[in-house]
N, C-alpha and C. Protein backbone atom coordinates (compact mmCIF):
# COMPACT_ATOMS: atom_id res chain seq x y z
N MET A 1 26.44 -11.67 13.57
CA MET A 1 25.70 -11.46 12.25
C MET A 1 26.11 -10.11 11.68
N SER A 2 26.26 -10.11 10.41
CA SER A 2 26.71 -8.87 9.79
C SER A 2 25.38 -8.06 9.35
N TRP A 3 25.61 -6.85 8.86
CA TRP A 3 24.51 -6.02 8.43
C TRP A 3 23.84 -6.63 7.13
N GLN A 4 22.55 -6.69 7.18
CA GLN A 4 21.76 -7.16 6.01
C GLN A 4 21.23 -5.90 5.34
N MET A 5 21.54 -5.66 4.04
CA MET A 5 21.11 -4.59 3.36
C MET A 5 19.86 -4.79 2.40
N ILE A 6 18.89 -3.99 2.46
CA ILE A 6 17.69 -4.10 1.59
C ILE A 6 17.36 -2.86 0.94
N PRO A 7 17.82 -2.64 -0.28
CA PRO A 7 17.52 -1.48 -1.03
C PRO A 7 16.10 -1.45 -1.43
N LEU A 8 15.46 -0.31 -1.23
CA LEU A 8 13.98 -0.09 -1.60
C LEU A 8 13.78 -0.42 -2.96
N GLU A 9 14.47 -0.07 -3.90
CA GLU A 9 14.29 -0.30 -5.38
C GLU A 9 14.25 -1.82 -5.67
N GLU A 10 14.73 -2.75 -4.80
CA GLU A 10 14.72 -4.16 -5.11
C GLU A 10 13.48 -4.85 -4.56
N VAL A 11 12.58 -4.04 -3.84
CA VAL A 11 11.32 -4.70 -3.40
C VAL A 11 10.17 -4.29 -4.19
N ALA A 12 9.51 -5.26 -4.60
CA ALA A 12 8.24 -5.09 -5.48
C ALA A 12 7.23 -4.37 -4.60
N PRO A 13 6.43 -3.28 -5.16
CA PRO A 13 5.30 -2.66 -4.52
C PRO A 13 4.12 -3.56 -4.51
N THR A 14 3.38 -3.53 -3.35
CA THR A 14 2.09 -4.21 -3.25
C THR A 14 0.99 -3.20 -3.16
N PRO A 15 -0.03 -3.22 -4.01
CA PRO A 15 -1.09 -2.16 -3.91
C PRO A 15 -1.86 -2.39 -2.54
N TRP A 16 -2.33 -1.26 -2.11
CA TRP A 16 -3.23 -1.26 -0.94
C TRP A 16 -4.58 -1.77 -1.30
N ARG A 17 -5.25 -2.47 -0.36
CA ARG A 17 -6.59 -2.98 -0.72
C ARG A 17 -7.53 -1.83 -0.95
N ASN A 18 -7.35 -0.72 -0.33
CA ASN A 18 -8.36 0.49 -0.64
C ASN A 18 -7.88 1.31 -1.82
N GLY A 19 -6.81 1.01 -2.55
CA GLY A 19 -6.37 1.68 -3.74
C GLY A 19 -5.74 3.09 -3.40
N GLY A 20 -5.44 3.26 -2.13
CA GLY A 20 -4.84 4.58 -1.72
C GLY A 20 -3.32 4.75 -2.00
N GLY A 21 -2.57 3.61 -2.31
CA GLY A 21 -1.20 3.70 -2.37
C GLY A 21 -0.66 2.26 -2.61
N VAL A 22 0.65 2.25 -2.37
CA VAL A 22 1.33 0.87 -2.48
C VAL A 22 2.35 0.86 -1.26
N THR A 23 2.67 -0.34 -0.95
CA THR A 23 3.70 -0.62 0.12
C THR A 23 4.72 -1.61 -0.29
N ARG A 24 5.91 -1.24 0.10
CA ARG A 24 7.15 -2.12 -0.13
C ARG A 24 7.54 -2.69 1.21
N GLU A 25 7.29 -3.96 1.43
CA GLU A 25 7.73 -4.56 2.69
C GLU A 25 9.22 -4.87 2.72
N LEU A 26 9.96 -4.17 3.47
CA LEU A 26 11.40 -4.39 3.55
C LEU A 26 11.76 -5.69 4.23
N ILE A 27 11.16 -5.88 5.44
CA ILE A 27 11.49 -7.05 6.23
C ILE A 27 10.24 -7.35 7.08
N ALA A 28 10.00 -8.69 7.21
CA ALA A 28 9.10 -9.21 8.21
C ALA A 28 9.77 -10.16 8.96
N TRP A 29 10.08 -10.15 10.20
CA TRP A 29 10.95 -11.03 11.10
C TRP A 29 10.16 -11.75 12.06
N PRO A 30 10.24 -13.05 12.26
CA PRO A 30 11.19 -13.95 11.67
C PRO A 30 10.78 -14.40 10.29
N THR A 31 9.45 -14.39 9.91
CA THR A 31 9.02 -14.80 8.56
C THR A 31 7.88 -13.88 7.98
N PRO A 32 7.83 -13.75 6.78
CA PRO A 32 6.68 -12.86 6.24
C PRO A 32 5.28 -13.42 6.69
N GLN A 33 5.14 -14.64 6.89
CA GLN A 33 3.76 -15.21 7.27
C GLN A 33 3.58 -15.12 8.70
N ASP A 34 4.55 -15.08 9.60
CA ASP A 34 4.38 -15.19 11.04
C ASP A 34 5.35 -14.13 11.67
N TRP A 35 5.12 -12.84 11.45
CA TRP A 35 6.10 -11.90 11.87
C TRP A 35 5.90 -11.40 13.27
N ASP A 36 7.03 -11.04 14.00
CA ASP A 36 6.90 -10.37 15.30
C ASP A 36 6.97 -8.90 15.07
N TRP A 37 7.87 -8.50 14.09
CA TRP A 37 7.98 -7.02 13.67
C TRP A 37 8.10 -7.02 12.16
N ARG A 38 7.73 -5.80 11.64
CA ARG A 38 7.59 -5.69 10.19
C ARG A 38 8.03 -4.24 9.86
N ILE A 39 8.81 -4.06 8.85
CA ILE A 39 9.24 -2.70 8.34
C ILE A 39 8.78 -2.52 6.92
N SER A 40 8.28 -1.42 6.58
CA SER A 40 7.87 -1.13 5.11
C SER A 40 7.80 0.37 4.89
N VAL A 41 7.91 0.57 3.52
CA VAL A 41 7.80 2.03 3.01
C VAL A 41 6.60 2.11 2.17
N ALA A 42 5.76 3.11 2.38
CA ALA A 42 4.46 3.29 1.58
C ALA A 42 4.55 4.50 0.82
N GLU A 43 3.96 4.43 -0.33
CA GLU A 43 3.70 5.67 -1.17
C GLU A 43 2.20 5.85 -1.05
N ILE A 44 1.89 6.94 -0.37
CA ILE A 44 0.48 7.31 -0.24
C ILE A 44 0.06 8.28 -1.25
N GLU A 45 -1.00 7.88 -2.12
CA GLU A 45 -1.36 8.60 -3.30
C GLU A 45 -2.63 9.35 -3.14
N LYS A 46 -3.47 8.97 -2.18
CA LYS A 46 -4.79 9.73 -1.94
C LYS A 46 -5.24 9.44 -0.56
N ASN A 47 -6.13 10.33 -0.17
CA ASN A 47 -6.68 10.30 1.20
C ASN A 47 -7.49 8.97 1.45
N GLY A 48 -7.49 8.56 2.61
CA GLY A 48 -8.35 7.37 2.94
C GLY A 48 -7.89 6.73 4.23
N PRO A 49 -8.59 5.68 4.63
CA PRO A 49 -8.13 5.05 5.91
C PRO A 49 -6.85 4.19 5.78
N PHE A 50 -6.21 4.04 6.87
CA PHE A 50 -5.14 3.00 7.01
C PHE A 50 -5.74 1.71 7.30
N SER A 51 -5.14 0.63 7.04
CA SER A 51 -5.65 -0.75 7.23
C SER A 51 -5.60 -0.96 8.73
N HIS A 52 -6.58 -1.78 9.24
CA HIS A 52 -6.56 -2.16 10.65
C HIS A 52 -5.57 -3.22 10.84
N PHE A 53 -4.87 -3.21 12.00
CA PHE A 53 -3.93 -4.27 12.43
C PHE A 53 -4.19 -4.55 13.86
N ASP A 54 -5.18 -5.46 14.13
CA ASP A 54 -5.50 -5.80 15.51
C ASP A 54 -4.23 -6.43 16.19
N GLY A 55 -4.03 -6.01 17.46
CA GLY A 55 -2.84 -6.71 18.14
C GLY A 55 -1.48 -6.18 17.69
N VAL A 56 -1.54 -5.01 17.08
CA VAL A 56 -0.19 -4.57 16.44
C VAL A 56 -0.01 -3.09 16.92
N GLN A 57 1.22 -2.75 17.37
CA GLN A 57 1.56 -1.41 17.68
C GLN A 57 2.31 -0.97 16.46
N ARG A 58 1.94 0.30 16.05
CA ARG A 58 2.54 0.87 14.78
C ARG A 58 3.28 2.21 15.17
N TRP A 59 4.37 2.36 14.29
CA TRP A 59 5.09 3.69 14.32
C TRP A 59 4.98 4.09 12.83
N PHE A 60 4.75 5.41 12.62
CA PHE A 60 4.61 6.00 11.26
C PHE A 60 5.37 7.34 11.24
N ALA A 61 6.25 7.44 10.11
CA ALA A 61 7.02 8.67 9.96
C ALA A 61 6.97 8.97 8.49
N VAL A 62 6.80 10.28 8.34
CA VAL A 62 6.75 10.86 6.83
C VAL A 62 8.26 10.90 6.43
N LEU A 63 8.44 10.38 5.21
CA LEU A 63 9.84 10.49 4.54
C LEU A 63 9.83 11.60 3.57
N GLY A 64 8.83 11.75 2.74
CA GLY A 64 8.76 12.73 1.64
C GLY A 64 7.43 13.22 1.43
N GLY A 65 7.33 14.32 0.51
CA GLY A 65 6.11 14.99 0.30
C GLY A 65 5.78 15.97 1.39
N ALA A 66 4.80 16.66 1.27
CA ALA A 66 4.40 17.71 2.27
C ALA A 66 3.93 17.24 3.64
N GLY A 67 3.53 15.80 3.60
CA GLY A 67 3.09 15.22 4.85
C GLY A 67 1.75 14.77 4.81
N ALA A 68 1.33 14.25 6.01
CA ALA A 68 -0.06 13.62 6.11
C ALA A 68 -0.55 14.10 7.44
N ARG A 69 -1.89 13.97 7.57
CA ARG A 69 -2.66 14.30 8.76
C ARG A 69 -3.38 12.95 9.09
N LEU A 70 -2.92 12.25 10.26
CA LEU A 70 -3.63 11.06 10.65
C LEU A 70 -4.60 11.50 11.78
N THR A 71 -5.85 10.83 11.65
CA THR A 71 -6.90 11.24 12.50
C THR A 71 -7.39 9.88 13.30
N PHE A 72 -7.29 9.91 14.66
CA PHE A 72 -7.85 8.94 15.56
C PHE A 72 -8.94 9.46 16.41
N ASN A 73 -10.01 8.90 16.48
CA ASN A 73 -11.15 9.40 17.35
C ASN A 73 -11.42 10.84 17.27
N GLY A 74 -11.36 11.36 15.98
CA GLY A 74 -11.63 12.91 15.80
C GLY A 74 -10.46 13.76 16.12
N GLN A 75 -9.31 13.17 16.58
CA GLN A 75 -8.13 14.06 16.88
C GLN A 75 -7.08 13.89 15.74
N ALA A 76 -6.71 15.03 15.20
CA ALA A 76 -5.74 14.95 14.07
C ALA A 76 -4.35 15.22 14.48
N HIS A 77 -3.42 14.48 13.81
CA HIS A 77 -2.01 14.62 14.06
C HIS A 77 -1.28 14.92 12.70
N ALA A 78 -0.81 16.15 12.46
CA ALA A 78 -0.14 16.57 11.27
C ALA A 78 1.30 16.16 11.37
N LEU A 79 1.73 15.46 10.35
CA LEU A 79 3.15 14.91 10.31
C LEU A 79 3.87 15.34 9.03
N THR A 80 5.02 15.76 9.24
CA THR A 80 5.98 16.17 8.11
C THR A 80 7.20 15.38 8.18
N ALA A 81 8.11 15.51 7.25
CA ALA A 81 9.41 14.86 7.29
C ALA A 81 10.30 15.39 8.41
N GLN A 82 9.85 16.38 9.01
CA GLN A 82 10.75 16.97 10.12
C GLN A 82 10.23 16.45 11.53
N ASP A 83 9.06 15.95 11.56
CA ASP A 83 8.47 15.48 12.86
C ASP A 83 8.94 14.23 13.35
N PRO A 84 8.85 13.97 14.66
CA PRO A 84 9.25 12.58 15.09
C PRO A 84 8.18 11.62 14.72
N PRO A 85 8.48 10.29 14.66
CA PRO A 85 7.58 9.37 14.25
C PRO A 85 6.46 9.30 15.35
N LEU A 86 5.25 8.83 14.81
CA LEU A 86 4.03 8.78 15.73
C LEU A 86 3.77 7.30 15.98
N ARG A 87 3.57 6.99 17.22
CA ARG A 87 3.31 5.64 17.68
C ARG A 87 1.82 5.54 17.89
N PHE A 88 1.11 4.45 17.55
CA PHE A 88 -0.32 4.36 17.69
C PHE A 88 -0.73 2.92 17.59
N ASP A 89 -1.94 2.54 18.18
CA ASP A 89 -2.48 1.24 18.15
C ASP A 89 -3.06 0.94 16.81
N GLY A 90 -2.60 -0.09 16.25
CA GLY A 90 -2.97 -0.55 14.88
C GLY A 90 -4.39 -0.94 14.78
N ALA A 91 -5.06 -1.23 15.89
CA ALA A 91 -6.47 -1.64 15.92
C ALA A 91 -7.37 -0.46 15.79
N LYS A 92 -6.89 0.76 16.06
CA LYS A 92 -7.67 2.01 16.05
C LYS A 92 -7.89 2.36 14.66
N ALA A 93 -9.28 2.91 14.43
CA ALA A 93 -9.52 3.46 13.04
C ALA A 93 -8.65 4.69 12.86
N CYS A 94 -8.01 4.68 11.73
CA CYS A 94 -6.99 5.78 11.39
C CYS A 94 -7.32 6.29 10.04
N GLY A 95 -7.66 7.54 9.90
CA GLY A 95 -7.88 8.24 8.60
C GLY A 95 -6.56 8.98 8.15
N CYS A 96 -6.26 9.03 7.02
CA CYS A 96 -5.13 9.64 6.46
C CYS A 96 -5.46 10.76 5.41
N GLU A 97 -5.18 11.99 5.61
CA GLU A 97 -5.39 13.06 4.71
C GLU A 97 -4.09 13.67 4.32
N LEU A 98 -3.77 13.68 2.96
CA LEU A 98 -2.52 14.18 2.55
C LEU A 98 -2.57 15.71 2.60
N ILE A 99 -1.38 16.33 3.02
CA ILE A 99 -1.37 17.77 3.31
C ILE A 99 -1.35 18.45 1.93
N ASP A 100 -0.53 18.06 1.03
CA ASP A 100 -0.42 18.78 -0.22
C ASP A 100 0.24 17.83 -1.34
N GLY A 101 -0.58 16.84 -1.68
CA GLY A 101 -0.14 15.89 -2.74
C GLY A 101 0.34 14.65 -2.03
N PRO A 102 0.84 13.67 -2.95
CA PRO A 102 1.31 12.41 -2.44
C PRO A 102 2.47 12.52 -1.40
N ALA A 103 2.51 11.53 -0.55
CA ALA A 103 3.60 11.52 0.44
C ALA A 103 4.16 10.03 0.55
N GLU A 104 5.45 9.99 1.11
CA GLU A 104 6.07 8.71 1.28
C GLU A 104 6.16 8.51 2.87
N GLY A 105 5.74 7.37 3.29
CA GLY A 105 5.75 7.09 4.74
C GLY A 105 6.47 5.83 5.12
N PHE A 106 7.01 5.78 6.28
CA PHE A 106 7.77 4.66 6.76
C PHE A 106 6.94 4.07 8.00
N ASN A 107 6.91 2.68 8.05
CA ASN A 107 6.00 1.99 9.03
C ASN A 107 6.90 0.93 9.66
N LEU A 108 6.81 0.94 10.98
CA LEU A 108 7.42 -0.14 11.88
C LEU A 108 6.21 -0.68 12.62
N MET A 109 5.95 -2.00 12.53
CA MET A 109 4.85 -2.76 13.24
C MET A 109 5.35 -3.76 14.02
N LEU A 110 4.74 -3.86 15.22
CA LEU A 110 5.13 -4.88 16.21
C LEU A 110 3.85 -5.54 16.67
N LYS A 111 3.85 -6.88 16.82
CA LYS A 111 2.73 -7.64 17.35
C LYS A 111 2.92 -7.52 18.90
N HIS A 112 1.79 -7.24 19.53
CA HIS A 112 1.71 -7.03 21.00
C HIS A 112 2.19 -8.33 21.71
N GLY A 113 3.10 -8.23 22.70
CA GLY A 113 3.58 -9.35 23.36
C GLY A 113 4.73 -10.11 22.75
N HIS A 114 5.13 -9.79 21.56
CA HIS A 114 6.23 -10.47 20.99
C HIS A 114 7.52 -9.68 21.08
N SER A 115 7.53 -8.39 20.95
CA SER A 115 8.78 -7.47 20.90
C SER A 115 8.38 -6.21 21.43
N ARG A 116 9.35 -5.47 21.81
CA ARG A 116 9.31 -4.00 22.13
C ARG A 116 10.18 -3.32 21.32
N ALA A 117 9.89 -2.09 21.02
CA ALA A 117 10.66 -1.32 20.01
C ALA A 117 10.62 0.14 20.20
N HIS A 118 11.48 0.90 19.59
CA HIS A 118 11.32 2.31 19.42
C HIS A 118 11.93 2.68 18.09
N LEU A 119 11.41 3.81 17.61
CA LEU A 119 11.79 4.44 16.28
C LEU A 119 12.07 5.86 16.56
N VAL A 120 13.21 6.29 16.09
CA VAL A 120 13.61 7.78 16.19
C VAL A 120 14.07 8.27 14.91
N ARG A 121 13.85 9.50 14.64
CA ARG A 121 14.41 10.25 13.48
C ARG A 121 15.84 10.72 13.86
N VAL A 122 16.77 10.60 12.94
CA VAL A 122 18.14 11.03 13.27
C VAL A 122 18.48 12.20 12.23
N ARG A 123 18.96 13.26 12.69
CA ARG A 123 19.48 14.41 11.97
C ARG A 123 20.69 14.80 12.70
N GLY A 124 21.88 14.45 12.09
CA GLY A 124 23.12 14.74 12.75
C GLY A 124 23.69 13.42 13.15
N ALA A 125 24.04 13.47 14.53
CA ALA A 125 24.70 12.25 15.13
C ALA A 125 23.82 11.70 16.17
N LEU A 126 23.90 10.43 16.42
CA LEU A 126 23.14 9.76 17.49
C LEU A 126 24.00 8.79 18.11
N ASN A 127 24.07 8.73 19.40
CA ASN A 127 24.93 7.68 20.04
C ASN A 127 23.99 6.97 21.00
N VAL A 128 24.04 5.57 20.88
CA VAL A 128 23.16 4.74 21.73
C VAL A 128 23.84 3.61 22.24
N GLU A 129 23.36 3.14 23.43
CA GLU A 129 23.88 1.91 23.98
C GLU A 129 22.79 0.86 23.75
N VAL A 130 23.07 -0.13 23.04
CA VAL A 130 22.05 -1.14 22.63
C VAL A 130 22.14 -2.42 23.62
N ARG A 131 21.02 -2.77 24.18
CA ARG A 131 21.02 -3.98 24.95
C ARG A 131 21.30 -5.28 24.22
N ALA A 132 21.90 -6.25 25.03
CA ALA A 132 22.12 -7.57 24.41
C ALA A 132 20.86 -8.19 23.96
N GLY A 133 20.95 -8.81 22.84
CA GLY A 133 19.80 -9.57 22.18
C GLY A 133 18.86 -8.71 21.37
N ALA A 134 19.27 -7.41 21.19
CA ALA A 134 18.47 -6.50 20.38
C ALA A 134 18.68 -6.72 18.88
N ARG A 135 17.80 -6.51 18.14
CA ARG A 135 17.93 -6.32 16.64
C ARG A 135 17.79 -4.89 16.36
N VAL A 136 18.66 -4.38 15.55
CA VAL A 136 18.67 -2.92 15.25
C VAL A 136 18.53 -2.74 13.72
N ALA A 137 18.04 -1.54 13.35
CA ALA A 137 17.95 -1.17 12.03
C ALA A 137 18.09 0.26 11.77
N VAL A 138 18.54 0.68 10.55
CA VAL A 138 18.62 2.03 10.13
C VAL A 138 18.13 2.11 8.80
N TYR A 139 17.29 3.12 8.50
CA TYR A 139 16.90 3.48 7.11
C TYR A 139 17.40 4.72 6.72
N ALA A 140 18.25 4.62 5.65
CA ALA A 140 18.78 5.86 5.10
C ALA A 140 17.79 6.38 4.06
N TRP A 141 17.53 7.75 4.16
CA TRP A 141 16.52 8.31 3.30
C TRP A 141 17.17 8.85 2.09
N ASP A 142 17.56 10.14 2.09
CA ASP A 142 18.05 10.80 0.84
C ASP A 142 19.58 10.77 0.78
N GLU A 143 20.25 10.56 1.87
CA GLU A 143 21.75 10.67 1.97
C GLU A 143 22.24 9.31 2.62
N PRO A 144 23.46 8.99 2.33
CA PRO A 144 24.12 7.83 2.98
C PRO A 144 24.16 8.07 4.55
N VAL A 145 24.13 6.97 5.26
CA VAL A 145 24.27 6.94 6.68
C VAL A 145 25.50 6.11 7.10
N ILE A 146 26.28 6.73 8.03
CA ILE A 146 27.46 6.04 8.45
C ILE A 146 27.11 5.50 9.84
N VAL A 147 27.26 4.15 10.08
CA VAL A 147 26.98 3.48 11.25
C VAL A 147 28.22 2.87 11.88
N GLN A 148 28.45 3.15 13.10
CA GLN A 148 29.70 2.58 13.77
C GLN A 148 29.25 1.78 14.91
N VAL A 149 29.58 0.35 14.93
CA VAL A 149 29.26 -0.51 16.02
C VAL A 149 30.65 -1.02 16.53
N GLY A 150 30.98 -0.54 17.73
CA GLY A 150 32.27 -0.74 18.30
C GLY A 150 33.44 -0.16 17.39
N LYS A 151 34.16 -0.85 16.81
CA LYS A 151 35.31 -0.30 15.85
C LYS A 151 34.95 -0.64 14.34
N ASP A 152 33.78 -1.26 14.16
CA ASP A 152 33.40 -1.52 12.81
C ASP A 152 32.50 -0.43 12.18
N PHE A 153 32.68 -0.13 10.94
CA PHE A 153 31.88 0.99 10.30
C PHE A 153 31.09 0.33 9.06
N VAL A 154 30.03 0.81 8.84
CA VAL A 154 29.28 0.43 7.56
C VAL A 154 28.69 1.68 7.07
N THR A 155 28.52 1.81 5.78
CA THR A 155 27.78 2.96 5.10
C THR A 155 26.57 2.37 4.46
N VAL A 156 25.42 2.96 4.73
CA VAL A 156 24.14 2.55 4.26
C VAL A 156 23.73 3.57 3.14
N ALA A 157 23.59 3.02 1.97
CA ALA A 157 23.20 3.76 0.83
C ALA A 157 21.79 4.43 1.05
N PRO A 158 21.53 5.61 0.32
CA PRO A 158 20.11 6.18 0.32
C PRO A 158 19.07 5.09 -0.05
N HIS A 159 17.97 5.31 0.59
CA HIS A 159 16.73 4.47 0.23
C HIS A 159 17.04 2.95 0.46
N THR A 160 17.83 2.69 1.58
CA THR A 160 18.15 1.31 1.96
C THR A 160 17.95 1.17 3.44
N LEU A 161 17.40 -0.07 3.73
CA LEU A 161 17.25 -0.52 5.21
C LEU A 161 18.47 -1.53 5.41
N ALA A 162 19.14 -1.21 6.55
CA ALA A 162 20.21 -2.02 7.04
C ALA A 162 19.82 -2.59 8.46
N TRP A 163 19.90 -3.92 8.64
CA TRP A 163 19.49 -4.36 10.01
C TRP A 163 20.52 -5.53 10.42
N ARG A 164 20.55 -5.77 11.69
CA ARG A 164 21.33 -6.85 12.19
C ARG A 164 20.99 -7.06 13.61
N ALA A 165 21.39 -8.25 14.11
CA ALA A 165 21.26 -8.66 15.54
C ALA A 165 22.54 -8.26 16.31
N LEU A 166 22.32 -7.83 17.55
CA LEU A 166 23.49 -7.48 18.40
C LEU A 166 23.36 -8.39 19.60
N ALA A 167 23.81 -9.64 19.54
CA ALA A 167 23.65 -10.53 20.59
C ALA A 167 24.26 -10.14 21.89
N ASP A 168 25.39 -9.47 21.84
CA ASP A 168 26.07 -8.91 23.06
C ASP A 168 25.82 -7.50 23.40
N GLY A 169 25.01 -6.90 22.63
CA GLY A 169 24.79 -5.42 22.87
C GLY A 169 26.03 -4.70 22.30
N ALA A 170 25.88 -3.40 22.29
CA ALA A 170 27.02 -2.64 21.75
C ALA A 170 26.85 -1.10 21.90
N SER A 171 27.84 -0.33 21.78
CA SER A 171 27.84 1.13 21.59
C SER A 171 27.69 1.39 20.11
N VAL A 172 26.64 2.10 19.69
CA VAL A 172 26.42 2.37 18.34
C VAL A 172 26.40 3.88 18.08
N ARG A 173 26.99 4.37 17.03
CA ARG A 173 26.94 5.77 16.66
C ARG A 173 26.53 5.85 15.21
N LEU A 174 25.62 6.79 14.95
CA LEU A 174 25.09 7.04 13.55
C LEU A 174 25.40 8.43 13.23
N GLU A 175 25.74 8.62 11.95
CA GLU A 175 25.87 10.06 11.42
C GLU A 175 25.14 10.03 10.18
N ALA A 176 24.09 11.06 10.17
CA ALA A 176 23.16 11.09 9.09
C ALA A 176 22.52 12.36 9.00
N SER A 177 22.23 12.87 7.74
CA SER A 177 21.41 14.07 7.64
C SER A 177 19.99 13.81 7.71
N THR A 178 19.55 12.57 7.25
CA THR A 178 18.19 12.16 7.35
C THR A 178 18.20 10.63 7.43
N ALA A 179 17.67 10.06 8.53
CA ALA A 179 17.72 8.66 8.79
C ALA A 179 16.71 8.30 9.87
N LEU A 180 16.39 7.03 9.89
CA LEU A 180 15.50 6.55 11.01
C LEU A 180 16.18 5.43 11.69
N TRP A 181 16.22 5.33 13.01
CA TRP A 181 16.87 4.31 13.76
C TRP A 181 15.84 3.51 14.66
N MET A 182 16.04 2.18 14.57
CA MET A 182 15.06 1.36 15.28
C MET A 182 15.96 0.30 16.14
N GLU A 183 15.25 0.04 17.29
CA GLU A 183 15.83 -1.09 18.14
C GLU A 183 14.48 -1.98 18.43
N MET A 184 14.70 -3.33 18.34
CA MET A 184 13.59 -4.28 18.71
C MET A 184 14.22 -5.27 19.58
N VAL A 185 13.56 -5.50 20.69
CA VAL A 185 13.95 -6.50 21.68
C VAL A 185 12.72 -7.36 22.05
N ARG A 186 12.98 -8.65 22.37
CA ARG A 186 12.03 -9.59 22.84
C ARG A 186 11.78 -9.36 24.23
């Protein structure tokens, strides 16, 4: 399977139920109605709660703006575009307070029992050994990202999600000033 490219600008925004922002769902795999994992970018416009997702593990990373403070059970976690992604249980009540104006956030969600994943922020170079059967993705933020899988190279344009399956596993190298890297395995 080759790389699938999903530019953010080509995805229509969906308003949040609470009116606090909009989300652009980049991919829901295997289908939008019955997904195992889902990747989206949100524009957070005002303070308020995040939606509950029972049975879902979430990762959240700030992409732009001054950041956000997520609160669970009275404990606050301040996140900026320099911080690693935060993983949390989607069933927990989560309040979001913007640090200084609107923010852009990245979400990776996985249904419990369907897949395992991790999400890391890349600044510079990242070398990984990907297990057979994994699906991998990279989100290029403000700058292009160069991805090497074996001897093949691909350049991911800014504000674009690129993803693919790696049936046989592979050695992967990323070069990016700002990017997010994900691996999802069943």
